[in-house]
Amino acid sequence: MWFYVYYCVAIAILIMHFTGFLGRRNLEWLIYVLAVTVFPAVIYL
């Protein structure tokens, strides 16, 4: 279940990033947080 919640949040953050929403509100750091949380899964696989 948590995987699906994380997946939906990640997609929402990416959409907001590409539309410029995060940049206008100085929330681009959310992209880095998302990348750091994905990194262990990439190493594991």
Protein backbone atom coordinates (compact mmCIF):
# COMPACT_ATOMS: atom_id res chain seq x y z
CA MET A 1 0.00 0.00 0.00
CA TRP A 2 2.78 2.45 0.90
CA PHE A 3 4.38 1.80 -2.47
CA TYR A 4 1.27 3.08 -4.24
CA VAL A 5 1.10 6.19 -2.06
CA TYR A 6 4.78 6.90 -2.73
CA TYR A 7 4.28 6.33 -6.46
CA CYS A 8 1.35 8.79 -6.60
CA VAL A 9 3.28 11.42 -4.64
CA ALA A 10 6.31 10.97 -6.91
CA ILE A 11 4.20 11.43 -10.04
CA ALA A 12 2.56 14.53 -8.56
CA ILE A 13 5.97 16.03 -7.70
CA LEU A 14 7.27 15.35 -11.21
CA ILE A 15 4.21 16.93 -12.81
CA MET A 16 4.56 20.00 -10.59
CA HIS A 17 8.26 20.18 -11.47
CA PHE A 18 7.72 20.11 -15.23
CA THR A 19 4.88 22.63 -15.09
CA GLY A 20 7.04 25.08 -13.13
CA PHE A 21 4.89 25.01 -10.00
CA LEU A 22 7.80 24.02 -7.74
CA GLY A 23 10.15 26.60 -9.21
CA ARG A 24 7.75 29.47 -8.64
CA ARG A 25 7.33 28.52 -4.99
CA ASN A 26 10.97 27.62 -4.22
CA LEU A 27 10.08 23.96 -3.65
CA GLU A 28 12.58 22.46 -6.08
CA TRP A 29 14.24 20.73 -3.13
CA LEU A 30 11.37 18.22 -3.27
CA ILE A 31 12.95 16.79 -6.43
CA TYR A 32 16.17 16.13 -4.50
CA VAL A 33 14.25 14.49 -1.65
CA LEU A 34 12.50 12.27 -4.17
CA ALA A 35 15.82 11.35 -5.78
CA VAL A 36 17.40 10.48 -2.42
CA THR A 37 14.49 8.22 -1.49
CA VAL A 38 14.62 6.42 -4.86
CA PHE A 39 18.40 5.96 -4.77
CA PRO A 40 18.48 2.99 -2.31
CA ALA A 41 15.95 1.09 -4.43
CA VAL A 42 18.09 1.63 -7.54
CA ILE A 43 21.18 0.35 -5.71
CA TYR A 44 19.25 -2.67 -4.43
CA LEU A 45 18.03 -3.64 -7.89
